[in-house]
Amino acid sequence: MRRLTISRTAYKAYLLACVCAGMMAASMPGAAQSTSPVPLTLPQAIDLALRQNRSLKLVQLSITESESKRDVARSAYLPHIKNESNVLHVTELAGVEIPAGAFGVPSATGPIPSKSLFIDQGSLTSYTSGTQLTQPFTQMFKIHEATRAATSDVNLAKIQLTQAEDEVALKVRQLYFGLLIAQLKLEAAKDEVSASEVKNQESADAVAKGRALDVAALESHAAVLDAEQAELTERLQIRDLTLSLNDLLGLPLTSQLELNPDASGTDLSIPTREECVRIAHEESPAIRSAEEELLKAKAGFGAAKDAYIPDITGLARYSYQSGVPLLVHNFGTFGFNLSYDLFDGGSRHAELKGARTVLSQAQINLDKVDEEVTVEAESAYDKVEQLQSMVHVAEEAQAVRAEAARLADRQFEQDAALASTRSEAHAKAASARASLLEAQLGLSLAQAELKRVMGQIPR
């Protein structure tokens, strides 16, 4: 028995040290201090998390990034206009040499020309500038598929945002309810400590008067230590849950929260099983993501086939030059450009084969996700029904414990029961209330999980 008592005492000291360390960290200079608790209902907590959660902000930025990439892909539809200017210097120019007498040797004038002539072509330094417009024609097929793929990426990012919002809302409910339960369990633990101390005092008096053995006092003292250990554990649990909830809500970590159990929104309306499965198939983010992946794979397969189409581009150019021989200063150029790979070592065939494989994978994945969502919805609905039965049992147990506490009060008033019996009855009643709240909130979490499977935010 001594070894057991020392172990419990050491664990109690460890938990007390953890709680004190947390309090000291919160009181360190530079830590944000909350002057008063923040009143918070569950709907307010969910709305706050949806506005301030950092993970959601990252997903929102990914949507903006995907939209920018889609705009880049879509811009290839439009003509491109660019200017190209050059200043070039050459070390030597070719020219036209006319020898003397090349045009005849009349007797009256002599040789024409009278001596050899050299005519330069252009100048050593030339200036060119041209503005060109190009319009893709057959490349439109590839551009269309690239735009489809980019649009699917945007839709996937939006679906991921919906999934993240659902998960954040569900996590808020879990932490909110967990904190409520821990607070109620702490109250029950305090009542248990009080009851154990009363019983320990009664045991000590009985030992002192010779009505009980020393082992009874040791057992009652061990019960007090167990109750204090449970209280410290609940305090540490409350602190951990508060830190996690503050981080999820985007609040300072040292914020103190005042939760409202009466306005916690524990009851969620749930349709019939068949309706839940139907809504899940229509609105589930997992299915919608798989569908977008399939559309993206189809776009990739189409782009791989379009690689066999020759690239035909229309072009129009207006140019200016100075120093280039045999060209006027300003002139225009119009025409078409055709480009086609006659041999690429099998690259296009391999890309087409790979795109076909990706398309098959996306189709199989869609079928797989569809089945998984059905199973997940059915399982979530089964859990809701089971927890509804547990709530009924917890309500009956709470009513019985409340009646037992009332009878213990009456017996104590009539000197028919010890104070420890009365305290113990009240502690059990408080524990029953905590168990009832835990069952009710567990049911609410199961309903929220079903809402998430159905693609709805569990508010």
Protein backbone atom coordinates (compact mmCIF):
# COMPACT_ATOMS: atom_id res chain seq x y z
CA MET A 1 0.00 0.00 0.00
CA ARG A 2 2.88 2.39 0.73
CA ARG A 3 4.33 1.83 -2.75
CA LEU A 4 0.93 2.60 -4.34
CA THR A 5 0.55 5.80 -2.27
CA ILE A 6 4.02 7.07 -3.26
CA SER A 7 3.29 6.47 -6.97
CA ARG A 8 0.04 8.38 -6.84
CA THR A 9 1.66 11.20 -4.91
CA ALA A 10 4.45 11.47 -7.48
CA TYR A 11 1.94 11.55 -10.35
CA LYS A 12 -0.06 14.21 -8.51
CA ALA A 13 3.09 16.32 -8.08
CA TYR A 14 3.89 15.88 -11.79
CA LEU A 15 0.46 17.09 -12.89
CA LEU A 16 0.62 20.02 -10.46
CA ALA A 17 4.03 20.99 -11.88
CA CYS A 18 2.63 20.89 -15.45
CA VAL A 19 -0.28 23.15 -14.51
CA CYS A 20 2.00 25.57 -12.67
CA ALA A 21 4.44 25.65 -15.61
CA GLY A 22 1.57 26.52 -17.94
CA MET A 23 0.45 29.31 -15.63
CA MET A 24 3.99 30.68 -15.38
CA ALA A 25 4.35 30.62 -19.18
CA ALA A 26 1.12 32.55 -19.52
CA SER A 27 2.40 35.18 -17.06
CA MET A 28 5.77 35.64 -18.81
CA PRO A 29 6.53 39.17 -20.04
CA GLY A 30 5.56 39.60 -23.66
CA ALA A 31 2.70 37.12 -23.47
CA ALA A 32 -0.68 38.53 -24.46
CA GLN A 33 -2.86 38.73 -21.38
CA SER A 34 -6.63 38.58 -21.47
CA THR A 35 -8.19 40.93 -18.95
CA SER A 36 -11.56 39.15 -19.02
CA PRO A 37 -12.98 35.93 -20.48
CA VAL A 38 -14.34 36.08 -24.02
CA PRO A 39 -18.02 35.03 -24.12
CA LEU A 40 -18.48 32.66 -27.02
CA THR A 41 -21.35 30.55 -28.31
CA LEU A 42 -20.81 27.69 -30.70
CA PRO A 43 -22.19 29.51 -33.80
CA GLN A 44 -19.98 32.50 -32.97
CA ALA A 45 -16.95 30.23 -32.60
CA ILE A 46 -17.60 28.58 -35.98
CA ASP A 47 -18.06 31.94 -37.73
CA LEU A 48 -14.90 33.26 -36.09
CA ALA A 49 -12.89 30.24 -37.20
CA LEU A 50 -14.17 30.50 -40.78
CA ARG A 51 -13.03 34.14 -40.86
CA GLN A 52 -9.70 33.95 -39.04
CA ASN A 53 -8.32 30.42 -39.36
CA ARG A 54 -4.92 30.56 -41.04
CA SER A 55 -5.27 27.25 -42.84
CA LEU A 56 -8.43 28.52 -44.56
CA LYS A 57 -6.61 31.68 -45.61
CA LEU A 58 -3.91 29.56 -47.26
CA VAL A 59 -6.53 27.59 -49.19
CA GLN A 60 -8.20 30.85 -50.28
CA LEU A 61 -4.85 32.07 -51.61
CA SER A 62 -4.44 28.82 -53.53
CA ILE A 63 -7.75 29.59 -55.30
CA THR A 64 -6.37 32.97 -56.38
CA GLU A 65 -3.21 31.27 -57.63
CA SER A 66 -5.20 28.73 -59.65
CA GLU A 67 -7.34 31.49 -61.16
CA SER A 68 -4.19 33.31 -62.25
CA LYS A 69 -2.89 30.16 -63.97
CA ARG A 70 -6.25 29.74 -65.72
CA ASP A 71 -6.07 33.33 -66.99
CA VAL A 72 -2.57 32.65 -68.31
CA ALA A 73 -3.80 29.57 -70.21
CA ARG A 74 -6.83 31.46 -71.55
CA SER A 75 -4.68 34.35 -72.82
CA ALA A 76 -3.22 32.06 -75.50
CA TYR A 77 -6.51 32.39 -77.42
CA LEU A 78 -5.79 36.05 -78.21
CA PRO A 79 -3.32 37.40 -80.76
CA HIS A 80 0.13 38.25 -79.48
CA ILE A 81 1.81 41.48 -80.52
CA LYS A 82 5.47 42.07 -79.88
CA ASN A 83 8.23 44.35 -81.08
CA GLU A 84 11.75 43.31 -81.92
CA SER A 85 14.47 45.89 -82.57
CA ASN A 86 18.16 45.41 -83.36
CA VAL A 87 21.27 47.49 -83.85
CA LEU A 88 23.92 45.52 -85.76
CA HIS A 89 27.47 46.40 -86.82
CA VAL A 90 29.39 44.39 -89.44
CA THR A 91 33.12 44.48 -90.06
CA GLU A 92 32.95 44.36 -93.88
CA LEU A 93 30.34 44.88 -96.57
CA ALA A 94 29.98 43.27 -99.99
CA GLY A 95 29.53 45.64 -102.92
CA VAL A 96 29.27 45.87 -106.71
CA GLU A 97 32.53 46.49 -108.66
CA ILE A 98 32.22 48.06 -112.15
CA PRO A 99 35.51 47.84 -114.10
CA ALA A 100 36.66 50.61 -116.45
CA GLY A 101 35.06 50.40 -119.92
CA ALA A 102 32.36 48.03 -118.71
CA PHE A 103 29.77 50.10 -120.59
CA GLY A 104 31.84 50.51 -123.75
CA VAL A 105 34.85 52.44 -125.11
CA PRO A 106 33.52 55.14 -127.48
CA SER A 107 36.17 57.00 -129.44
CA ALA A 108 34.70 60.33 -128.47
CA THR A 109 34.70 59.80 -124.72
CA GLY A 110 36.98 56.94 -124.06
CA PRO A 111 36.14 54.09 -121.64
CA ILE A 112 32.87 54.29 -119.71
CA PRO A 113 33.52 54.41 -116.88
CA SER A 114 36.95 55.82 -117.24
CA LYS A 115 38.16 53.93 -114.13
CA SER A 116 36.94 51.08 -111.96
CA LEU A 117 34.10 51.90 -109.56
CA PHE A 118 33.05 50.14 -106.26
CA ILE A 119 29.47 50.67 -105.05
CA ASP A 120 28.78 49.80 -101.38
CA GLN A 121 25.60 47.92 -100.40
CA GLY A 122 24.13 49.21 -97.16
CA SER A 123 26.21 50.53 -94.29
CA LEU A 124 28.42 49.03 -91.61
CA THR A 125 25.84 49.81 -88.88
CA SER A 126 22.20 48.85 -89.52
CA TYR A 127 19.03 49.53 -87.55
CA THR A 128 15.96 47.33 -87.73
CA SER A 129 12.66 47.43 -85.85
CA GLY A 130 9.59 45.31 -86.46
CA THR A 131 6.20 44.96 -84.73
CA GLN A 132 4.62 41.57 -85.36
CA LEU A 133 1.16 40.16 -84.69
CA THR A 134 0.72 36.39 -84.46
CA GLN A 135 -2.57 34.54 -84.23
CA PRO A 136 -2.62 30.77 -83.49
CA PHE A 137 -5.08 28.74 -85.55
CA THR A 138 -4.72 24.99 -85.14
CA GLN A 139 -3.15 25.51 -81.70
CA MET A 140 -6.63 26.50 -80.52
CA PHE A 141 -7.38 22.82 -79.84
CA LYS A 142 -4.45 22.53 -77.42
CA ILE A 143 -5.25 25.88 -75.84
CA HIS A 144 -8.82 24.75 -75.26
CA GLU A 145 -7.71 21.60 -73.45
CA ALA A 146 -5.15 23.53 -71.38
CA THR A 147 -7.87 25.99 -70.35
CA ARG A 148 -10.17 23.11 -69.38
CA ALA A 149 -7.43 21.62 -67.19
CA ALA A 150 -6.73 25.00 -65.57
CA THR A 151 -10.45 25.50 -64.91
CA SER A 152 -10.57 22.09 -63.23
CA ASP A 153 -7.69 23.18 -60.99
CA VAL A 154 -9.68 26.26 -59.97
CA ASN A 155 -12.73 24.12 -59.19
CA LEU A 156 -10.57 21.68 -57.23
CA ALA A 157 -9.16 24.54 -55.16
CA LYS A 158 -12.69 25.76 -54.40
CA ILE A 159 -13.77 22.25 -53.39
CA GLN A 160 -10.71 21.99 -51.15
CA LEU A 161 -11.79 25.24 -49.51
CA THR A 162 -15.23 23.75 -48.88
CA GLN A 163 -13.63 20.62 -47.40
CA ALA A 164 -11.35 22.73 -45.21
CA GLU A 165 -14.30 24.80 -43.98
CA ASP A 166 -16.24 21.63 -43.15
CA GLU A 167 -13.27 20.19 -41.27
CA VAL A 168 -12.61 23.43 -39.38
CA ALA A 169 -16.27 23.72 -38.37
CA LEU A 170 -16.26 20.09 -37.20
CA LYS A 171 -13.02 20.61 -35.28
CA VAL A 172 -14.47 23.69 -33.58
CA ARG A 173 -17.46 21.65 -32.44
CA GLN A 174 -15.18 18.90 -31.13
CA LEU A 175 -12.99 21.30 -29.15
CA TYR A 176 -15.94 23.40 -27.96
CA PHE A 177 -17.84 20.37 -26.72
CA GLY A 178 -14.69 18.80 -25.29
CA LEU A 179 -14.02 21.96 -23.30
CA LEU A 180 -17.60 22.04 -22.02
CA ILE A 181 -17.38 18.40 -20.93
CA ALA A 182 -13.99 18.95 -19.29
CA GLN A 183 -15.34 21.93 -17.34
CA LEU A 184 -18.31 19.92 -16.11
CA LYS A 185 -16.04 16.99 -15.24
CA LEU A 186 -13.85 19.40 -13.30
CA GLU A 187 -16.83 20.45 -11.23
CA ALA A 188 -17.66 16.77 -10.65
CA ALA A 189 -14.02 16.15 -9.69
CA LYS A 190 -14.17 19.00 -7.16
CA ASP A 191 -17.30 17.48 -5.64
CA GLU A 192 -15.53 14.13 -5.51
CA VAL A 193 -12.57 15.71 -3.72
CA SER A 194 -14.90 17.28 -1.16
CA ALA A 195 -16.70 13.97 -0.62
CA SER A 196 -13.41 12.10 -0.28
CA GLU A 197 -12.08 14.61 2.25
CA VAL A 198 -15.24 14.29 4.34
CA LYS A 199 -15.04 10.51 4.18
CA ASN A 200 -11.34 10.62 5.04
CA GLN A 201 -12.07 12.74 8.10
CA GLU A 202 -14.77 10.31 9.17
CA SER A 203 -12.34 7.39 8.75
CA ALA A 204 -9.67 9.20 10.76
CA ASP A 205 -12.16 9.85 13.58
CA ALA A 206 -13.24 6.19 13.49
CA VAL A 207 -9.62 5.01 13.74
CA ALA A 208 -8.91 7.44 16.56
CA LYS A 209 -11.91 6.09 18.51
CA GLY A 210 -10.96 2.49 17.79
CA ARG A 211 -13.98 1.74 15.62
CA ALA A 212 -11.89 1.03 12.47
CA LEU A 213 -8.47 -0.28 11.55
CA ASP A 214 -5.61 1.85 10.23
CA VAL A 215 -6.08 0.34 6.77
CA ALA A 216 -9.44 2.12 6.50
CA ALA A 217 -7.73 5.47 7.02
CA LEU A 218 -5.11 4.60 4.41
CA GLU A 219 -7.79 3.61 1.91
CA SER A 220 -9.73 6.83 2.47
CA HIS A 221 -6.54 8.87 2.15
CA ALA A 222 -5.74 7.08 -1.13
CA ALA A 223 -9.26 7.94 -2.32
CA VAL A 224 -8.58 11.62 -1.59
CA LEU A 225 -5.36 11.46 -3.59
CA ASP A 226 -7.17 9.78 -6.49
CA ALA A 227 -9.83 12.49 -6.49
CA GLU A 228 -7.22 15.27 -6.40
CA GLN A 229 -5.33 13.56 -9.22
CA ALA A 230 -8.50 13.45 -11.30
CA GLU A 231 -9.07 17.15 -10.61
CA LEU A 232 -5.55 18.07 -11.72
CA THR A 233 -5.94 15.94 -14.85
CA GLU A 234 -9.14 17.79 -15.78
CA ARG A 235 -7.45 21.17 -15.22
CA LEU A 236 -4.61 20.17 -17.52
CA GLN A 237 -7.12 18.89 -20.10
CA ILE A 238 -9.01 22.20 -19.97
CA ARG A 239 -5.81 24.14 -20.57
CA ASP A 240 -4.81 21.98 -23.56
CA LEU A 241 -8.28 22.26 -25.11
CA THR A 242 -8.32 26.04 -24.57
CA LEU A 243 -4.97 26.43 -26.32
CA SER A 244 -6.11 24.30 -29.26
CA LEU A 245 -9.40 26.17 -29.59
CA ASN A 246 -7.71 29.58 -29.42
CA ASP A 247 -5.30 28.54 -32.16
CA LEU A 248 -8.14 27.23 -34.32
CA LEU A 249 -10.12 30.45 -33.89
CA GLY A 250 -7.11 32.66 -34.62
CA LEU A 251 -7.21 34.20 -31.12
CA PRO A 252 -4.23 34.89 -28.83
CA LEU A 253 -3.25 31.64 -27.15
CA THR A 254 -3.70 33.12 -23.68
CA SER A 255 -7.32 34.15 -24.30
CA GLN A 256 -9.77 32.89 -21.69
CA LEU A 257 -13.03 31.62 -23.14
CA GLU A 258 -16.45 31.70 -21.52
CA LEU A 259 -18.50 29.02 -23.26
CA ASN A 260 -22.27 28.93 -23.26
CA PRO A 261 -23.62 25.37 -22.95
CA ASP A 262 -27.23 26.54 -23.36
CA ALA A 263 -26.52 28.12 -26.76
CA SER A 264 -24.15 25.45 -28.02
CA GLY A 265 -26.40 24.34 -30.87
CA THR A 266 -26.24 20.66 -30.03
CA ASP A 267 -29.29 19.67 -32.08
CA LEU A 268 -28.81 19.38 -35.84
CA SER A 269 -31.65 18.49 -38.15
CA ILE A 270 -30.89 15.25 -39.96
CA PRO A 271 -33.05 13.96 -42.86
CA THR A 272 -33.86 10.33 -43.48
CA ARG A 273 -31.19 7.78 -44.28
CA GLU A 274 -32.10 7.64 -47.98
CA GLU A 275 -32.08 11.43 -48.23
CA CYS A 276 -28.69 11.63 -46.53
CA VAL A 277 -27.16 9.17 -48.99
CA ARG A 278 -28.69 11.04 -51.94
CA ILE A 279 -27.40 14.42 -50.75
CA ALA A 280 -23.96 12.93 -50.09
CA HIS A 281 -23.75 11.68 -53.68
CA GLU A 282 -24.75 15.10 -55.01
CA GLU A 283 -22.81 17.40 -52.69
CA SER A 284 -19.92 15.39 -51.24
CA PRO A 285 -16.63 17.28 -51.75
CA ALA A 286 -14.82 13.97 -52.22
CA ILE A 287 -17.05 12.99 -55.15
CA ARG A 288 -16.90 16.47 -56.66
CA SER A 289 -13.10 16.42 -56.42
CA ALA A 290 -12.98 13.04 -58.15
CA GLU A 291 -15.26 14.37 -60.90
CA GLU A 292 -13.00 17.37 -61.46
CA GLU A 293 -9.97 15.09 -61.58
CA LEU A 294 -11.76 13.09 -64.27
CA LEU A 295 -12.46 16.24 -66.29
CA LYS A 296 -8.83 17.28 -65.94
CA ALA A 297 -7.69 13.83 -67.13
CA LYS A 298 -9.99 14.11 -70.16
CA ALA A 299 -8.46 17.48 -70.97
CA GLY A 300 -4.98 16.00 -70.73
CA PHE A 301 -5.96 13.13 -73.03
CA GLY A 302 -7.42 15.58 -75.55
CA ALA A 303 -4.24 17.68 -75.47
CA ALA A 304 -2.13 14.56 -76.08
CA LYS A 305 -4.20 13.75 -79.20
CA ASP A 306 -4.03 17.35 -80.43
CA ALA A 307 -0.23 17.13 -80.43
CA TYR A 308 -0.53 15.36 -83.83
CA ILE A 309 -2.14 18.45 -85.40
CA PRO A 310 0.35 20.73 -87.25
CA ASP A 311 0.82 24.19 -85.77
CA ILE A 312 -0.44 26.86 -88.19
CA THR A 313 0.05 30.47 -87.17
CA GLY A 314 -0.99 33.60 -89.02
CA LEU A 315 1.36 36.56 -88.83
CA ALA A 316 1.55 40.19 -89.89
CA ARG A 317 4.62 42.38 -89.40
CA TYR A 318 5.44 46.00 -90.04
CA SER A 319 9.17 46.73 -90.20
CA TYR A 320 11.55 49.67 -90.40
CA GLN A 321 15.17 49.38 -91.43
CA SER A 322 18.17 51.58 -92.05
CA GLY A 323 21.43 50.28 -93.45
CA VAL A 324 20.12 47.02 -94.98
CA PRO A 325 20.76 46.93 -98.77
CA LEU A 326 18.03 46.56 -101.35
CA LEU A 327 15.18 47.21 -98.89
CA VAL A 328 13.05 50.31 -98.43
CA HIS A 329 12.95 51.91 -95.02
CA ASN A 330 9.36 50.86 -94.21
CA PHE A 331 7.68 47.68 -95.43
CA GLY A 332 5.07 45.08 -94.36
CA THR A 333 5.11 41.29 -94.21
CA PHE A 334 2.05 39.01 -94.17
CA GLY A 335 1.74 35.24 -94.26
CA PHE A 336 1.42 31.93 -92.37
CA ASN A 337 3.81 29.73 -90.49
CA LEU A 338 3.44 25.93 -90.41
CA SER A 339 5.37 23.73 -87.99
CA TYR A 340 5.13 19.95 -87.62
CA ASP A 341 7.41 17.37 -86.00
CA LEU A 342 8.09 14.68 -88.56
CA PHE A 343 9.91 12.48 -86.05
CA ASP A 344 10.04 12.85 -82.27
CA GLY A 345 11.36 9.46 -81.17
CA GLY A 346 7.94 8.24 -80.01
CA SER A 347 7.39 11.10 -77.54
CA ARG A 348 3.84 11.91 -78.66
CA HIS A 349 2.81 8.26 -78.63
CA ALA A 350 4.17 7.81 -75.12
CA GLU A 351 2.39 10.96 -73.88
CA LEU A 352 -0.88 9.74 -75.42
CA LYS A 353 -0.50 6.37 -73.72
CA GLY A 354 0.25 8.02 -70.38
CA ALA A 355 -2.75 10.37 -70.71
CA ARG A 356 -5.02 7.40 -71.47
CA THR A 357 -3.75 5.66 -68.31
CA VAL A 358 -4.39 8.76 -66.20
CA LEU A 359 -7.91 8.94 -67.62
CA SER A 360 -8.58 5.32 -66.66
CA GLN A 361 -7.22 5.93 -63.15
CA ALA A 362 -9.47 8.98 -62.71
CA GLN A 363 -12.55 7.01 -63.76
CA ILE A 364 -11.75 4.13 -61.40
CA ASN A 365 -11.05 6.59 -58.59
CA LEU A 366 -14.45 8.25 -59.14
CA ASP A 367 -16.20 4.89 -58.85
CA LYS A 368 -14.16 4.06 -55.74
CA VAL A 369 -14.91 7.39 -54.04
CA ASP A 370 -18.59 7.05 -54.88
CA GLU A 371 -18.74 3.71 -53.06
CA GLU A 372 -16.69 5.04 -50.12
CA VAL A 373 -19.03 7.99 -49.65
CA THR A 374 -22.01 5.63 -49.56
CA VAL A 375 -20.34 3.50 -46.88
CA GLU A 376 -19.26 6.60 -44.92
CA ALA A 377 -22.78 8.07 -44.99
CA GLU A 378 -24.36 4.78 -43.89
CA SER A 379 -21.84 4.36 -41.06
CA ALA A 380 -22.30 7.95 -39.88
CA TYR A 381 -26.09 7.50 -39.84
CA ASP A 382 -25.74 4.25 -37.85
CA LYS A 383 -23.56 6.06 -35.29
CA VAL A 384 -26.18 8.81 -34.95
CA GLU A 385 -28.88 6.24 -34.20
CA GLN A 386 -26.68 4.45 -31.65
CA LEU A 387 -25.82 7.68 -29.84
CA GLN A 388 -29.49 8.64 -29.70
CA SER A 389 -30.08 5.48 -27.65
CA MET A 390 -27.09 6.32 -25.44
CA VAL A 391 -28.54 9.76 -24.74
CA HIS A 392 -31.79 8.19 -23.56
CA VAL A 393 -29.86 5.90 -21.18
CA ALA A 394 -27.77 8.82 -19.89
CA GLU A 395 -30.92 10.87 -19.26
CA GLU A 396 -32.40 8.05 -17.17
CA ALA A 397 -29.12 7.62 -15.25
CA GLN A 398 -28.95 11.35 -14.54
CA ALA A 399 -32.53 11.35 -13.26
CA VAL A 400 -31.76 8.41 -10.95
CA ARG A 401 -28.60 10.06 -9.58
CA ALA A 402 -30.45 13.35 -9.02
CA GLU A 403 -33.17 11.50 -7.07
CA ALA A 404 -30.51 9.64 -5.06
CA ALA A 405 -28.86 12.96 -4.18
CA ARG A 406 -32.23 14.37 -3.10
CA LEU A 407 -32.89 11.36 -0.84
CA ALA A 408 -29.38 11.62 0.60
CA ASP A 409 -30.06 15.26 1.51
CA ARG A 410 -33.29 14.26 3.30
CA GLN A 411 -31.59 11.40 5.17
CA PHE A 412 -28.77 13.72 6.23
CA GLU A 413 -31.27 16.25 7.52
CA GLN A 414 -32.91 13.44 9.55
CA ASP A 415 -29.51 12.24 10.84
CA ALA A 416 -30.04 8.96 8.97
CA ALA A 417 -26.96 9.29 6.76
CA LEU A 418 -23.38 10.48 7.13
CA ALA A 419 -22.11 13.68 5.56
CA SER A 420 -19.78 11.59 3.39
CA THR A 421 -22.76 9.69 1.99
CA ARG A 422 -24.47 12.94 1.11
CA SER A 423 -21.32 14.39 -0.51
CA GLU A 424 -20.72 11.18 -2.43
CA ALA A 425 -24.30 11.20 -3.75
CA HIS A 426 -23.91 14.78 -4.98
CA ALA A 427 -20.57 13.94 -6.60
CA LYS A 428 -22.17 11.03 -8.45
CA ALA A 429 -25.04 13.29 -9.54
CA ALA A 430 -22.55 15.81 -10.92
CA SER A 431 -20.71 13.00 -12.71
CA ALA A 432 -24.04 11.81 -14.17
CA ARG A 433 -24.74 15.33 -15.46
CA ALA A 434 -21.30 15.35 -17.10
CA SER A 435 -21.99 11.93 -18.65
CA LEU A 436 -25.33 13.17 -19.99
CA LEU A 437 -23.73 16.25 -21.52
CA GLU A 438 -20.98 14.07 -22.96
CA ALA A 439 -23.58 11.77 -24.56
CA GLN A 440 -25.57 14.73 -25.93
CA LEU A 441 -22.49 16.38 -27.36
CA GLY A 442 -21.28 13.07 -28.75
CA LEU A 443 -24.59 12.78 -30.59
CA SER A 444 -24.18 16.33 -31.88
CA LEU A 445 -20.66 15.53 -33.12
CA ALA A 446 -21.96 12.43 -34.90
CA GLN A 447 -24.64 14.55 -36.57
CA ALA A 448 -21.99 17.11 -37.55
CA GLU A 449 -19.83 14.34 -39.04
CA LEU A 450 -22.81 13.17 -41.07
CA LYS A 451 -23.33 16.76 -42.27
CA ARG A 452 -19.69 16.89 -43.35
CA VAL A 453 -20.06 13.67 -45.31
CA MET A 454 -23.10 15.24 -47.00
CA GLY A 455 -20.98 18.24 -48.04
CA GLN A 456 -22.64 20.68 -45.61
CA ILE A 457 -20.93 22.88 -43.06
CA PRO A 458 -21.90 21.56 -39.58
CA ARG A 459 -22.87 24.88 -38.02
